[in-house]
Amino acid sequence: MQIFPEVSYRDVEKTDALETLIQEKVSKLEQVCDHINSCRIAIEKVHDHPSSGSPYRVRLDITVPPGHELAVDKSPDSGVQYIPLEAVIRDAFDAARRQLSELNAKQHNEVKQHPQQAMMAIVTKLFPEENYGFLKTLDGQEVYFHRNSVTNADFERLEFGTGVHFMSVEGEKGLQASTVRVVNKPGASAAPDEQPDEQIEAAEEVSVSSPEGWQ
């Protein structure tokens, strides 16, 4: 699991069983979309004795780059009385999964229609506490990337001047890296199986001798 959901409980006892269920469901969301930025989950008891439906309410707020926010609110008010909390949680995540599937399909279609070539760049700005940074390409373009876009959980390896190989998509706020792979870290060589030799050599050249115009 790459992301850690923020879960809040209101008038509901937090149990290991609920935590395990939530972790399983979040992992399934990541199978649909592997670049989720955040997932906030609110679980609350809104009625003590409802006439029907469920006394529980489950809300999900999910953000996906470049600026998408998905919201699900499940509070059954009709049907079988006293629908258990676990069932409401599953229904909420199923609805979120459908939304993510639709968004993922739309984004892939947009990338197909407006393909971007793989490019080389170096890391020029890092904001570890906010989980993002910026790359600069050989032609001087600044490109945003998020922690979840860095492959092999290598975000912690990044520092100023790290050479990377990335794929890009056109987001609402400009060019954005969808996949970032470390190919050279200043002072250390990348693992042999990370990239072909020619890409590693290109990254080394970038990090050692920056092209004219790079800041």
N, C-alpha and C. Protein backbone atom coordinates (compact mmCIF):
# COMPACT_ATOMS: atom_id res chain seq x y z
N MET A 1 0.85 -1.19 0.00
CA MET A 1 0.00 0.00 0.00
C MET A 1 0.88 1.24 0.00
N GLN A 2 0.73 2.09 -1.02
CA GLN A 2 1.58 3.26 -1.16
C GLN A 2 1.07 4.46 -0.37
N ILE A 3 -0.23 4.60 -0.27
CA ILE A 3 -0.78 5.74 0.46
C ILE A 3 -1.31 5.27 1.81
N PHE A 4 -1.31 6.20 2.75
CA PHE A 4 -1.81 5.89 4.08
C PHE A 4 -3.08 6.71 4.31
N PRO A 5 -4.23 6.05 4.33
CA PRO A 5 -5.50 6.78 4.46
C PRO A 5 -5.62 7.49 5.79
N GLU A 6 -6.29 8.62 5.76
CA GLU A 6 -6.61 9.36 6.98
C GLU A 6 -8.03 8.96 7.38
N VAL A 7 -8.15 8.27 8.50
CA VAL A 7 -9.45 7.74 8.92
C VAL A 7 -9.88 8.42 10.21
N SER A 8 -11.12 8.92 10.21
CA SER A 8 -11.67 9.52 11.43
C SER A 8 -12.95 8.77 11.82
N TYR A 9 -13.14 8.62 13.13
CA TYR A 9 -14.30 7.92 13.66
C TYR A 9 -15.10 8.88 14.55
N ARG A 10 -16.40 8.83 14.42
CA ARG A 10 -17.27 9.64 15.27
C ARG A 10 -18.39 8.76 15.82
N ASP A 11 -18.39 8.58 17.11
CA ASP A 11 -19.38 7.73 17.79
C ASP A 11 -19.34 6.29 17.27
N VAL A 12 -18.17 5.90 16.79
CA VAL A 12 -17.96 4.53 16.31
C VAL A 12 -16.64 4.04 16.91
N GLU A 13 -16.66 2.85 17.46
CA GLU A 13 -15.45 2.29 18.06
C GLU A 13 -14.48 1.84 16.97
N LYS A 14 -13.25 2.30 17.08
CA LYS A 14 -12.20 1.88 16.15
C LYS A 14 -11.72 0.48 16.55
N THR A 15 -11.78 -0.44 15.60
CA THR A 15 -11.36 -1.81 15.89
C THR A 15 -10.33 -2.27 14.86
N ASP A 16 -9.59 -3.31 15.21
CA ASP A 16 -8.61 -3.87 14.28
C ASP A 16 -9.30 -4.41 13.03
N ALA A 17 -10.49 -4.96 13.21
CA ALA A 17 -11.23 -5.52 12.07
C ALA A 17 -11.58 -4.43 11.07
N LEU A 18 -12.04 -3.27 11.57
CA LEU A 18 -12.37 -2.17 10.68
C LEU A 18 -11.13 -1.62 9.98
N GLU A 19 -10.03 -1.50 10.73
CA GLU A 19 -8.79 -1.01 10.14
C GLU A 19 -8.30 -1.95 9.04
N THR A 20 -8.39 -3.25 9.28
CA THR A 20 -7.96 -4.23 8.28
C THR A 20 -8.83 -4.14 7.03
N LEU A 21 -10.14 -4.01 7.22
CA LEU A 21 -11.07 -3.90 6.10
C LEU A 21 -10.73 -2.66 5.26
N ILE A 22 -10.49 -1.55 5.92
CA ILE A 22 -10.19 -0.30 5.22
C ILE A 22 -8.89 -0.43 4.43
N GLN A 23 -7.86 -1.02 5.05
CA GLN A 23 -6.59 -1.19 4.35
C GLN A 23 -6.75 -2.07 3.11
N GLU A 24 -7.55 -3.12 3.24
CA GLU A 24 -7.79 -4.00 2.09
C GLU A 24 -8.48 -3.24 0.97
N LYS A 25 -9.46 -2.42 1.32
CA LYS A 25 -10.22 -1.69 0.32
C LYS A 25 -9.37 -0.60 -0.35
N VAL A 26 -8.51 0.06 0.44
CA VAL A 26 -7.63 1.07 -0.13
C VAL A 26 -6.65 0.42 -1.11
N SER A 27 -6.13 -0.75 -0.76
CA SER A 27 -5.22 -1.47 -1.65
C SER A 27 -5.90 -1.81 -2.97
N LYS A 28 -7.18 -2.15 -2.92
CA LYS A 28 -7.91 -2.45 -4.15
C LYS A 28 -8.10 -1.19 -5.00
N LEU A 29 -8.27 -0.03 -4.33
CA LEU A 29 -8.36 1.22 -5.09
C LEU A 29 -7.05 1.49 -5.82
N GLU A 30 -5.92 1.19 -5.16
CA GLU A 30 -4.62 1.43 -5.78
C GLU A 30 -4.37 0.49 -6.95
N GLN A 31 -5.05 -0.65 -6.99
CA GLN A 31 -4.94 -1.54 -8.14
C GLN A 31 -5.60 -0.92 -9.37
N VAL A 32 -6.60 -0.09 -9.12
CA VAL A 32 -7.29 0.59 -10.21
C VAL A 32 -6.52 1.83 -10.63
N CYS A 33 -6.00 2.58 -9.65
CA CYS A 33 -5.29 3.83 -9.90
C CYS A 33 -4.07 3.88 -8.98
N ASP A 34 -2.88 3.81 -9.57
CA ASP A 34 -1.66 3.72 -8.75
C ASP A 34 -1.04 5.07 -8.43
N HIS A 35 -1.74 6.17 -8.72
CA HIS A 35 -1.19 7.49 -8.41
C HIS A 35 -2.16 8.35 -7.61
N ILE A 36 -2.86 7.72 -6.67
CA ILE A 36 -3.74 8.46 -5.77
C ILE A 36 -2.90 9.32 -4.83
N ASN A 37 -3.27 10.58 -4.70
CA ASN A 37 -2.53 11.48 -3.80
C ASN A 37 -2.91 11.27 -2.34
N SER A 38 -4.22 11.23 -2.07
CA SER A 38 -4.69 11.13 -0.69
C SER A 38 -6.05 10.45 -0.65
N CYS A 39 -6.35 9.90 0.53
CA CYS A 39 -7.64 9.24 0.73
C CYS A 39 -8.08 9.50 2.17
N ARG A 40 -9.13 10.30 2.31
CA ARG A 40 -9.67 10.61 3.63
C ARG A 40 -10.99 9.87 3.81
N ILE A 41 -11.13 9.24 4.97
CA ILE A 41 -12.31 8.42 5.24
C ILE A 41 -12.92 8.86 6.56
N ALA A 42 -14.20 9.16 6.53
CA ALA A 42 -14.92 9.56 7.74
C ALA A 42 -16.02 8.54 8.01
N ILE A 43 -15.99 7.95 9.19
CA ILE A 43 -16.98 6.95 9.59
C ILE A 43 -17.70 7.47 10.82
N GLU A 44 -19.00 7.55 10.75
CA GLU A 44 -19.74 8.10 11.89
C GLU A 44 -21.08 7.40 12.07
N LYS A 45 -21.57 7.48 13.28
CA LYS A 45 -22.90 6.97 13.60
C LYS A 45 -23.83 8.17 13.70
N VAL A 46 -24.81 8.23 12.81
CA VAL A 46 -25.67 9.41 12.74
C VAL A 46 -27.04 9.18 13.36
N HIS A 47 -27.40 7.90 13.57
CA HIS A 47 -28.69 7.58 14.20
C HIS A 47 -28.49 6.44 15.19
N ASP A 48 -29.21 6.49 16.26
CA ASP A 48 -29.16 5.38 17.20
C ASP A 48 -30.18 4.31 16.87
N HIS A 49 -31.37 4.75 16.44
CA HIS A 49 -32.44 3.80 16.14
C HIS A 49 -33.18 4.23 14.88
N PRO A 50 -32.55 4.08 13.71
CA PRO A 50 -33.23 4.47 12.47
C PRO A 50 -34.40 3.54 12.18
N SER A 51 -35.42 4.07 11.54
CA SER A 51 -36.58 3.24 11.20
C SER A 51 -36.23 2.25 10.10
N SER A 52 -35.25 2.61 9.27
CA SER A 52 -34.78 1.69 8.23
C SER A 52 -33.40 2.15 7.79
N GLY A 53 -32.77 1.35 6.93
CA GLY A 53 -31.45 1.73 6.44
C GLY A 53 -30.35 1.35 7.40
N SER A 54 -29.48 2.29 7.72
CA SER A 54 -28.34 2.03 8.59
C SER A 54 -28.10 3.23 9.49
N PRO A 55 -27.64 3.02 10.70
CA PRO A 55 -27.33 4.14 11.58
C PRO A 55 -26.00 4.80 11.22
N TYR A 56 -25.28 4.22 10.24
CA TYR A 56 -23.93 4.67 9.96
C TYR A 56 -23.84 5.48 8.66
N ARG A 57 -22.80 6.30 8.61
CA ARG A 57 -22.51 7.09 7.42
C ARG A 57 -21.01 6.97 7.14
N VAL A 58 -20.67 6.74 5.88
CA VAL A 58 -19.28 6.61 5.47
C VAL A 58 -19.02 7.56 4.31
N ARG A 59 -18.00 8.41 4.47
CA ARG A 59 -17.64 9.36 3.42
C ARG A 59 -16.19 9.15 3.00
N LEU A 60 -15.96 9.20 1.70
CA LEU A 60 -14.61 9.09 1.15
C LEU A 60 -14.30 10.34 0.33
N ASP A 61 -13.13 10.89 0.53
CA ASP A 61 -12.62 11.99 -0.30
C ASP A 61 -11.26 11.56 -0.83
N ILE A 62 -11.16 11.46 -2.14
CA ILE A 62 -9.95 10.96 -2.79
C ILE A 62 -9.45 12.00 -3.77
N THR A 63 -8.15 12.28 -3.74
CA THR A 63 -7.56 13.21 -4.70
C THR A 63 -6.60 12.46 -5.62
N VAL A 64 -6.68 12.82 -6.90
CA VAL A 64 -5.85 12.20 -7.93
C VAL A 64 -5.27 13.31 -8.79
N PRO A 65 -3.96 13.28 -9.07
CA PRO A 65 -3.39 14.33 -9.90
C PRO A 65 -3.95 14.27 -11.33
N PRO A 66 -3.99 15.44 -12.01
CA PRO A 66 -3.39 16.70 -11.59
C PRO A 66 -4.26 17.55 -10.67
N GLY A 67 -5.54 17.31 -10.57
CA GLY A 67 -6.37 18.13 -9.69
C GLY A 67 -7.77 17.57 -9.53
N HIS A 68 -7.89 16.27 -9.59
CA HIS A 68 -9.20 15.62 -9.49
C HIS A 68 -9.52 15.27 -8.05
N GLU A 69 -10.76 15.48 -7.66
CA GLU A 69 -11.21 15.10 -6.33
C GLU A 69 -12.50 14.29 -6.47
N LEU A 70 -12.48 13.09 -5.92
CA LEU A 70 -13.63 12.21 -5.97
C LEU A 70 -14.25 12.12 -4.58
N ALA A 71 -15.58 12.15 -4.52
CA ALA A 71 -16.27 12.12 -3.24
C ALA A 71 -17.37 11.05 -3.28
N VAL A 72 -17.44 10.30 -2.19
CA VAL A 72 -18.48 9.29 -2.03
C VAL A 72 -19.10 9.47 -0.65
N ASP A 73 -20.42 9.43 -0.58
CA ASP A 73 -21.13 9.58 0.70
C ASP A 73 -22.20 8.50 0.77
N LYS A 74 -22.02 7.55 1.65
CA LYS A 74 -22.96 6.45 1.80
C LYS A 74 -23.63 6.51 3.18
N SER A 75 -24.93 6.70 3.17
CA SER A 75 -25.71 6.70 4.41
C SER A 75 -27.08 6.10 4.09
N PRO A 76 -27.16 4.78 4.00
CA PRO A 76 -28.41 4.12 3.60
C PRO A 76 -29.59 4.54 4.46
N ASP A 77 -30.65 5.03 3.82
CA ASP A 77 -31.82 5.48 4.58
C ASP A 77 -33.08 4.69 4.20
N SER A 78 -32.87 3.62 3.47
CA SER A 78 -34.03 2.80 3.11
C SER A 78 -33.56 1.36 2.91
N GLY A 79 -34.53 0.46 2.85
CA GLY A 79 -34.19 -0.94 2.66
C GLY A 79 -34.19 -1.70 3.96
N VAL A 80 -33.28 -2.66 4.07
CA VAL A 80 -33.22 -3.51 5.25
C VAL A 80 -32.75 -2.70 6.45
N GLN A 81 -33.43 -2.87 7.56
CA GLN A 81 -33.08 -2.13 8.76
C GLN A 81 -31.74 -2.62 9.33
N TYR A 82 -30.98 -1.63 9.86
CA TYR A 82 -29.72 -1.92 10.52
C TYR A 82 -28.70 -2.63 9.61
N ILE A 83 -28.47 -2.04 8.45
CA ILE A 83 -27.40 -2.53 7.59
C ILE A 83 -26.08 -2.37 8.35
N PRO A 84 -25.28 -3.43 8.48
CA PRO A 84 -24.06 -3.34 9.30
C PRO A 84 -23.05 -2.36 8.72
N LEU A 85 -22.21 -1.83 9.60
CA LEU A 85 -21.22 -0.84 9.21
C LEU A 85 -20.29 -1.38 8.12
N GLU A 86 -19.87 -2.63 8.27
CA GLU A 86 -18.95 -3.20 7.28
C GLU A 86 -19.54 -3.16 5.87
N ALA A 87 -20.85 -3.40 5.78
CA ALA A 87 -21.51 -3.38 4.47
C ALA A 87 -21.53 -1.96 3.89
N VAL A 88 -21.73 -0.97 4.75
CA VAL A 88 -21.74 0.42 4.29
C VAL A 88 -20.35 0.82 3.81
N ILE A 89 -19.31 0.39 4.52
CA ILE A 89 -17.93 0.66 4.11
C ILE A 89 -17.65 0.04 2.75
N ARG A 90 -18.05 -1.20 2.56
CA ARG A 90 -17.82 -1.88 1.28
C ARG A 90 -18.56 -1.16 0.15
N ASP A 91 -19.79 -0.74 0.39
CA ASP A 91 -20.55 -0.02 -0.63
C ASP A 91 -19.87 1.28 -1.01
N ALA A 92 -19.34 1.98 0.00
CA ALA A 92 -18.66 3.26 -0.27
C ALA A 92 -17.42 3.04 -1.12
N PHE A 93 -16.63 2.04 -0.78
CA PHE A 93 -15.41 1.78 -1.55
C PHE A 93 -15.73 1.25 -2.95
N ASP A 94 -16.80 0.49 -3.08
CA ASP A 94 -17.20 0.02 -4.41
C ASP A 94 -17.57 1.20 -5.31
N ALA A 95 -18.27 2.17 -4.73
CA ALA A 95 -18.64 3.37 -5.50
C ALA A 95 -17.39 4.16 -5.88
N ALA A 96 -16.43 4.26 -4.94
CA ALA A 96 -15.18 4.97 -5.23
C ALA A 96 -14.37 4.24 -6.31
N ARG A 97 -14.39 2.94 -6.25
CA ARG A 97 -13.67 2.13 -7.26
C ARG A 97 -14.24 2.38 -8.65
N ARG A 98 -15.56 2.48 -8.75
CA ARG A 98 -16.17 2.75 -10.06
C ARG A 98 -15.76 4.14 -10.56
N GLN A 99 -15.77 5.12 -9.68
CA GLN A 99 -15.37 6.47 -10.08
C GLN A 99 -13.92 6.51 -10.54
N LEU A 100 -13.05 5.82 -9.79
CA LEU A 100 -11.64 5.79 -10.17
C LEU A 100 -11.43 5.08 -11.50
N SER A 101 -12.17 4.02 -11.73
CA SER A 101 -12.06 3.28 -13.00
C SER A 101 -12.43 4.19 -14.17
N GLU A 102 -13.51 4.95 -14.00
CA GLU A 102 -13.94 5.86 -15.06
C GLU A 102 -12.91 6.96 -15.30
N LEU A 103 -12.37 7.52 -14.20
CA LEU A 103 -11.36 8.57 -14.32
C LEU A 103 -10.08 8.02 -14.96
N ASN A 104 -9.68 6.83 -14.53
CA ASN A 104 -8.46 6.22 -15.06
C ASN A 104 -8.59 5.97 -16.55
N ALA A 105 -9.76 5.47 -16.97
CA ALA A 105 -9.99 5.21 -18.39
C ALA A 105 -9.95 6.51 -19.19
N LYS A 106 -10.53 7.56 -18.62
CA LYS A 106 -10.53 8.86 -19.29
C LYS A 106 -9.12 9.41 -19.42
N GLN A 107 -8.32 9.30 -18.36
CA GLN A 107 -6.95 9.81 -18.40
C GLN A 107 -6.10 9.04 -19.40
N HIS A 108 -6.26 7.71 -19.45
CA HIS A 108 -5.49 6.92 -20.40
C HIS A 108 -5.89 7.26 -21.83
N ASN A 109 -7.15 7.54 -22.04
CA ASN A 109 -7.62 7.91 -23.37
C ASN A 109 -7.04 9.25 -23.79
N GLU A 110 -6.94 10.18 -22.83
CA GLU A 110 -6.37 11.49 -23.13
C GLU A 110 -4.89 11.36 -23.46
N VAL A 111 -4.19 10.49 -22.74
CA VAL A 111 -2.77 10.29 -23.01
C VAL A 111 -2.58 9.68 -24.39
N LYS A 112 -3.50 8.77 -24.77
CA LYS A 112 -3.42 8.14 -26.08
C LYS A 112 -3.61 9.16 -27.19
N GLN A 113 -4.55 10.08 -26.98
CA GLN A 113 -4.84 11.07 -28.00
C GLN A 113 -3.75 12.14 -28.07
N HIS A 114 -3.08 12.39 -26.95
CA HIS A 114 -2.03 13.40 -26.89
C HIS A 114 -0.78 12.78 -26.27
N PRO A 115 -0.15 11.84 -26.99
CA PRO A 115 0.98 11.12 -26.40
C PRO A 115 2.16 12.03 -26.13
N GLN A 116 2.88 11.72 -25.06
CA GLN A 116 4.09 12.45 -24.71
C GLN A 116 5.25 11.46 -24.73
N GLN A 117 6.39 11.87 -25.26
CA GLN A 117 7.54 11.00 -25.29
C GLN A 117 8.22 10.96 -23.92
N ALA A 118 8.91 9.85 -23.69
CA ALA A 118 9.71 9.75 -22.48
C ALA A 118 10.84 10.76 -22.56
N MET A 119 11.16 11.40 -21.44
CA MET A 119 12.17 12.45 -21.44
C MET A 119 13.13 12.29 -20.27
N MET A 120 14.28 12.93 -20.41
CA MET A 120 15.26 12.98 -19.33
C MET A 120 15.14 14.33 -18.63
N ALA A 121 15.48 14.35 -17.33
CA ALA A 121 15.42 15.60 -16.58
C ALA A 121 16.25 15.44 -15.32
N ILE A 122 16.40 16.53 -14.58
CA ILE A 122 17.02 16.45 -13.26
C ILE A 122 16.07 17.09 -12.25
N VAL A 123 16.20 16.67 -11.01
CA VAL A 123 15.40 17.23 -9.93
C VAL A 123 15.97 18.60 -9.56
N THR A 124 15.11 19.62 -9.58
CA THR A 124 15.57 20.97 -9.25
C THR A 124 14.92 21.52 -7.98
N LYS A 125 13.75 20.98 -7.60
CA LYS A 125 13.08 21.44 -6.39
C LYS A 125 12.44 20.24 -5.70
N LEU A 126 12.55 20.20 -4.36
CA LEU A 126 11.96 19.11 -3.59
C LEU A 126 11.25 19.67 -2.36
N PHE A 127 10.05 19.17 -2.11
CA PHE A 127 9.29 19.54 -0.93
C PHE A 127 8.84 18.24 -0.26
N PRO A 128 9.76 17.56 0.45
CA PRO A 128 9.48 16.23 1.00
C PRO A 128 8.27 16.17 1.91
N GLU A 129 8.08 17.22 2.73
CA GLU A 129 6.95 17.18 3.67
C GLU A 129 5.62 17.29 2.95
N GLU A 130 5.62 17.92 1.76
CA GLU A 130 4.39 18.03 0.98
C GLU A 130 4.30 16.96 -0.10
N ASN A 131 5.32 16.09 -0.18
CA ASN A 131 5.32 14.93 -1.09
C ASN A 131 5.32 15.29 -2.57
N TYR A 132 6.01 16.37 -2.94
CA TYR A 132 6.10 16.69 -4.36
C TYR A 132 7.40 17.43 -4.65
N GLY A 133 7.65 17.66 -5.92
CA GLY A 133 8.83 18.39 -6.34
C GLY A 133 8.70 18.80 -7.80
N PHE A 134 9.81 19.31 -8.37
CA PHE A 134 9.81 19.75 -9.76
C PHE A 134 11.07 19.24 -10.45
N LEU A 135 10.90 18.90 -11.73
CA LEU A 135 12.00 18.50 -12.59
C LEU A 135 12.25 19.59 -13.61
N LYS A 136 13.45 19.59 -14.19
CA LYS A 136 13.72 20.48 -15.31
C LYS A 136 14.26 19.64 -16.45
N THR A 137 13.65 19.78 -17.64
CA THR A 137 14.04 19.02 -18.80
C THR A 137 15.20 19.69 -19.52
N LEU A 138 15.76 19.00 -20.51
CA LEU A 138 16.89 19.53 -21.26
C LEU A 138 16.55 20.83 -21.98
N ASP A 139 15.26 20.99 -22.35
CA ASP A 139 14.88 22.23 -23.04
C ASP A 139 14.37 23.29 -22.07
N GLY A 140 14.57 23.05 -20.76
CA GLY A 140 14.26 24.08 -19.77
C GLY A 140 12.85 24.07 -19.23
N GLN A 141 12.04 23.08 -19.58
CA GLN A 141 10.67 23.01 -19.05
C GLN A 141 10.69 22.55 -17.59
N GLU A 142 9.85 23.18 -16.77
CA GLU A 142 9.70 22.76 -15.37
C GLU A 142 8.47 21.86 -15.29
N VAL A 143 8.66 20.71 -14.66
CA VAL A 143 7.61 19.69 -14.63
C VAL A 143 7.34 19.28 -13.19
N TYR A 144 6.08 19.34 -12.80
CA TYR A 144 5.65 18.93 -11.45
C TYR A 144 5.62 17.40 -11.36
N PHE A 145 5.98 16.86 -10.19
CA PHE A 145 5.77 15.43 -9.95
C PHE A 145 5.40 15.22 -8.49
N HIS A 146 4.66 14.15 -8.22
CA HIS A 146 4.24 13.79 -6.87
C HIS A 146 4.98 12.53 -6.43
N ARG A 147 5.08 12.35 -5.12
CA ARG A 147 5.74 11.17 -4.55
C ARG A 147 5.21 9.87 -5.19
N ASN A 148 3.89 9.78 -5.39
CA ASN A 148 3.30 8.55 -5.90
C ASN A 148 3.67 8.28 -7.35
N SER A 149 4.24 9.29 -8.05
CA SER A 149 4.65 9.09 -9.43
C SER A 149 6.06 8.49 -9.53
N VAL A 150 6.79 8.46 -8.43
CA VAL A 150 8.17 7.95 -8.43
C VAL A 150 8.14 6.43 -8.27
N THR A 151 8.72 5.73 -9.21
CA THR A 151 8.67 4.27 -9.19
C THR A 151 9.58 3.68 -8.11
N ASN A 152 9.29 2.44 -7.76
CA ASN A 152 10.10 1.67 -6.81
C ASN A 152 10.24 2.35 -5.45
N ALA A 153 9.26 3.20 -5.10
CA ALA A 153 9.29 3.91 -3.81
C ALA A 153 10.61 4.65 -3.61
N ASP A 154 11.12 5.26 -4.69
CA ASP A 154 12.43 5.92 -4.64
C ASP A 154 12.36 7.40 -4.31
N PHE A 155 11.23 7.89 -3.85
CA PHE A 155 11.12 9.33 -3.57
C PHE A 155 12.19 9.77 -2.57
N GLU A 156 12.48 8.92 -1.58
CA GLU A 156 13.46 9.27 -0.55
C GLU A 156 14.88 9.36 -1.12
N ARG A 157 15.12 8.74 -2.26
CA ARG A 157 16.45 8.80 -2.87
C ARG A 157 16.72 10.13 -3.57
N LEU A 158 15.65 10.86 -3.87
CA LEU A 158 15.80 12.06 -4.67
C LEU A 158 16.48 13.18 -3.90
N GLU A 159 17.28 13.94 -4.62
CA GLU A 159 17.86 15.16 -4.08
C GLU A 159 18.15 16.08 -5.26
N PHE A 160 18.57 17.30 -4.98
CA PHE A 160 18.85 18.26 -6.04
C PHE A 160 19.91 17.69 -6.99
N GLY A 161 19.59 17.65 -8.27
CA GLY A 161 20.54 17.15 -9.26
C GLY A 161 20.37 15.70 -9.63
N THR A 162 19.48 14.97 -8.98
CA THR A 162 19.25 13.57 -9.33
C THR A 162 18.73 13.48 -10.76
N GLY A 163 19.36 12.62 -11.56
CA GLY A 163 18.90 12.40 -12.92
C GLY A 163 17.75 11.42 -12.95
N VAL A 164 16.72 11.72 -13.75
CA VAL A 164 15.55 10.84 -13.84
C VAL A 164 15.12 10.69 -15.30
N HIS A 165 14.37 9.67 -15.51
CA HIS A 165 13.72 9.40 -16.79
C HIS A 165 12.23 9.39 -16.50
N PHE A 166 11.42 10.14 -17.26
CA PHE A 166 10.01 10.25 -16.89
C PHE A 166 9.09 10.30 -18.10
N MET A 167 7.87 9.90 -17.87
CA MET A 167 6.79 10.06 -18.85
C MET A 167 5.95 11.25 -18.39
N SER A 168 5.33 11.92 -19.32
CA SER A 168 4.58 13.12 -18.95
C SER A 168 3.18 13.11 -19.51
N VAL A 169 2.31 13.85 -18.85
CA VAL A 169 0.95 14.07 -19.33
C VAL A 169 0.66 15.56 -19.20
N GLU A 170 -0.28 16.03 -19.98
CA GLU A 170 -0.67 17.43 -19.90
C GLU A 170 -1.80 17.55 -18.90
N GLY A 171 -1.53 18.16 -17.75
CA GLY A 171 -2.54 18.33 -16.72
C GLY A 171 -3.23 19.66 -16.83
N GLU A 172 -4.13 19.92 -15.90
CA GLU A 172 -4.89 21.17 -15.93
C GLU A 172 -3.99 22.37 -15.70
N LYS A 173 -2.84 22.17 -15.02
CA LYS A 173 -1.93 23.27 -14.72
C LYS A 173 -0.62 23.15 -15.48
N GLY A 174 -0.63 22.40 -16.58
CA GLY A 174 0.57 22.27 -17.38
C GLY A 174 1.14 20.87 -17.35
N LEU A 175 2.38 20.76 -17.82
CA LEU A 175 3.03 19.46 -17.93
C LEU A 175 3.26 18.85 -16.56
N GLN A 176 3.00 17.54 -16.44
CA GLN A 176 3.13 16.84 -15.17
C GLN A 176 3.70 15.46 -15.41
N ALA A 177 4.62 15.05 -14.55
CA ALA A 177 5.23 13.73 -14.68
C ALA A 177 4.29 12.66 -14.16
N SER A 178 4.02 11.66 -14.98
CA SER A 178 3.14 10.57 -14.54
C SER A 178 3.95 9.39 -14.02
N THR A 179 5.18 9.21 -14.50
CA THR A 179 6.05 8.13 -14.05
C THR A 179 7.47 8.67 -13.99
N VAL A 180 8.10 8.59 -12.83
CA VAL A 180 9.46 9.10 -12.65
C VAL A 180 10.35 7.96 -12.16
N ARG A 181 11.42 7.68 -12.93
CA ARG A 181 12.34 6.60 -12.55
C ARG A 181 13.74 7.18 -12.34
N VAL A 182 14.33 6.90 -11.20
CA VAL A 182 15.68 7.38 -10.92
C VAL A 182 16.67 6.62 -11.79
N VAL A 183 17.52 7.34 -12.51
CA VAL A 183 18.56 6.69 -13.32
C VAL A 183 19.95 7.09 -12.87
N ASN A 184 20.06 8.16 -12.08
CA ASN A 184 21.37 8.54 -11.57
C ASN A 184 21.20 9.46 -10.39
N LYS A 185 21.87 9.12 -9.30
CA LYS A 185 21.88 9.99 -8.13
C LYS A 185 23.29 10.53 -7.96
N PRO A 186 23.47 11.84 -7.79
CA PRO A 186 24.80 12.41 -7.67
C PRO A 186 25.63 11.66 -6.63
N GLY A 187 26.83 11.24 -7.07
CA GLY A 187 27.73 10.56 -6.14
C GLY A 187 27.51 9.08 -6.05
N ALA A 188 26.49 8.55 -6.76
CA ALA A 188 26.22 7.11 -6.70
C ALA A 188 25.65 6.67 -8.03
N SER A 189 25.93 5.45 -8.42
CA SER A 189 25.43 4.92 -9.68
C SER A 189 24.12 4.22 -9.45
N ALA A 190 23.24 4.30 -10.43
CA ALA A 190 21.96 3.60 -10.34
C ALA A 190 22.20 2.11 -10.53
N ALA A 191 21.25 1.32 -10.04
CA ALA A 191 21.35 -0.12 -10.20
C ALA A 191 21.34 -0.47 -11.68
N PRO A 192 22.10 -1.49 -12.11
CA PRO A 192 22.23 -1.82 -13.53
C PRO A 192 20.91 -2.11 -14.19
N ASP A 193 19.94 -2.67 -13.45
CA ASP A 193 18.70 -3.08 -14.09
C ASP A 193 17.66 -1.97 -14.10
N GLU A 194 18.02 -0.76 -13.66
CA GLU A 194 17.00 0.29 -13.60
C GLU A 194 16.71 0.86 -14.97
N GLN A 195 17.76 1.07 -15.82
CA GLN A 195 17.56 1.66 -17.12
C GLN A 195 18.61 1.11 -18.08
N PRO A 196 18.36 1.17 -19.38
CA PRO A 196 19.38 0.80 -20.35
C PRO A 196 20.61 1.68 -20.19
N ASP A 197 21.79 1.16 -20.65
CA ASP A 197 23.04 1.87 -20.46
C ASP A 197 23.04 3.27 -21.04
N GLU A 198 22.42 3.40 -22.23
CA GLU A 198 22.45 4.71 -22.85
C GLU A 198 21.68 5.74 -22.05
N GLN A 199 20.59 5.33 -21.36
CA GLN A 199 19.81 6.26 -20.56
C GLN A 199 20.59 6.64 -19.30
N ILE A 200 21.31 5.68 -18.71
CA ILE A 200 22.11 5.97 -17.52
C ILE A 200 23.21 6.97 -17.86
N GLU A 201 23.86 6.75 -19.03
CA GLU A 201 24.91 7.67 -19.44
C GLU A 201 24.37 9.07 -19.65
N ALA A 202 23.16 9.15 -20.23
CA ALA A 202 22.56 10.46 -20.46
C ALA A 202 22.28 11.15 -19.14
N ALA A 203 21.78 10.39 -18.16
CA ALA A 203 21.47 10.98 -16.87
C ALA A 203 22.73 11.45 -16.17
N GLU A 204 23.84 10.66 -16.29
CA GLU A 204 25.09 11.06 -15.66
C GLU A 204 25.61 12.36 -16.24
N GLU A 205 25.45 12.49 -17.57
CA GLU A 205 25.91 13.70 -18.23
C GLU A 205 25.12 14.90 -17.73
N VAL A 206 23.82 14.71 -17.51
CA VAL A 206 22.97 15.79 -17.02
C VAL A 206 23.40 16.22 -15.63
N SER A 207 23.63 15.26 -14.72
CA SER A 207 23.90 15.60 -13.33
C SER A 207 25.29 16.17 -13.11
N VAL A 208 26.25 15.78 -13.98
CA VAL A 208 27.61 16.24 -13.78
C VAL A 208 27.85 17.59 -14.45
N SER A 209 27.30 17.74 -15.65
CA SER A 209 27.51 18.98 -16.38
C SER A 209 26.16 19.48 -16.88
N SER A 210 25.54 20.38 -16.16
CA SER A 210 24.20 20.85 -16.50
C SER A 210 24.24 21.67 -17.78
N PRO A 211 23.26 21.48 -18.67
CA PRO A 211 23.21 22.25 -19.91
C PRO A 211 23.04 23.73 -19.64
N GLU A 212 23.44 24.50 -20.64
CA GLU A 212 23.32 25.95 -20.50
C GLU A 212 21.86 26.33 -20.28
N GLY A 213 21.61 27.20 -19.33
CA GLY A 213 20.25 27.67 -19.06
C GLY A 213 19.60 26.98 -17.89
N TRP A 214 20.21 25.85 -17.38
CA TRP A 214 19.64 25.18 -16.21
C TRP A 214 20.05 25.93 -14.98
N GLN A 215 19.10 26.12 -14.06
CA GLN A 215 19.39 26.85 -12.81
C GLN A 215 19.82 25.88 -11.73
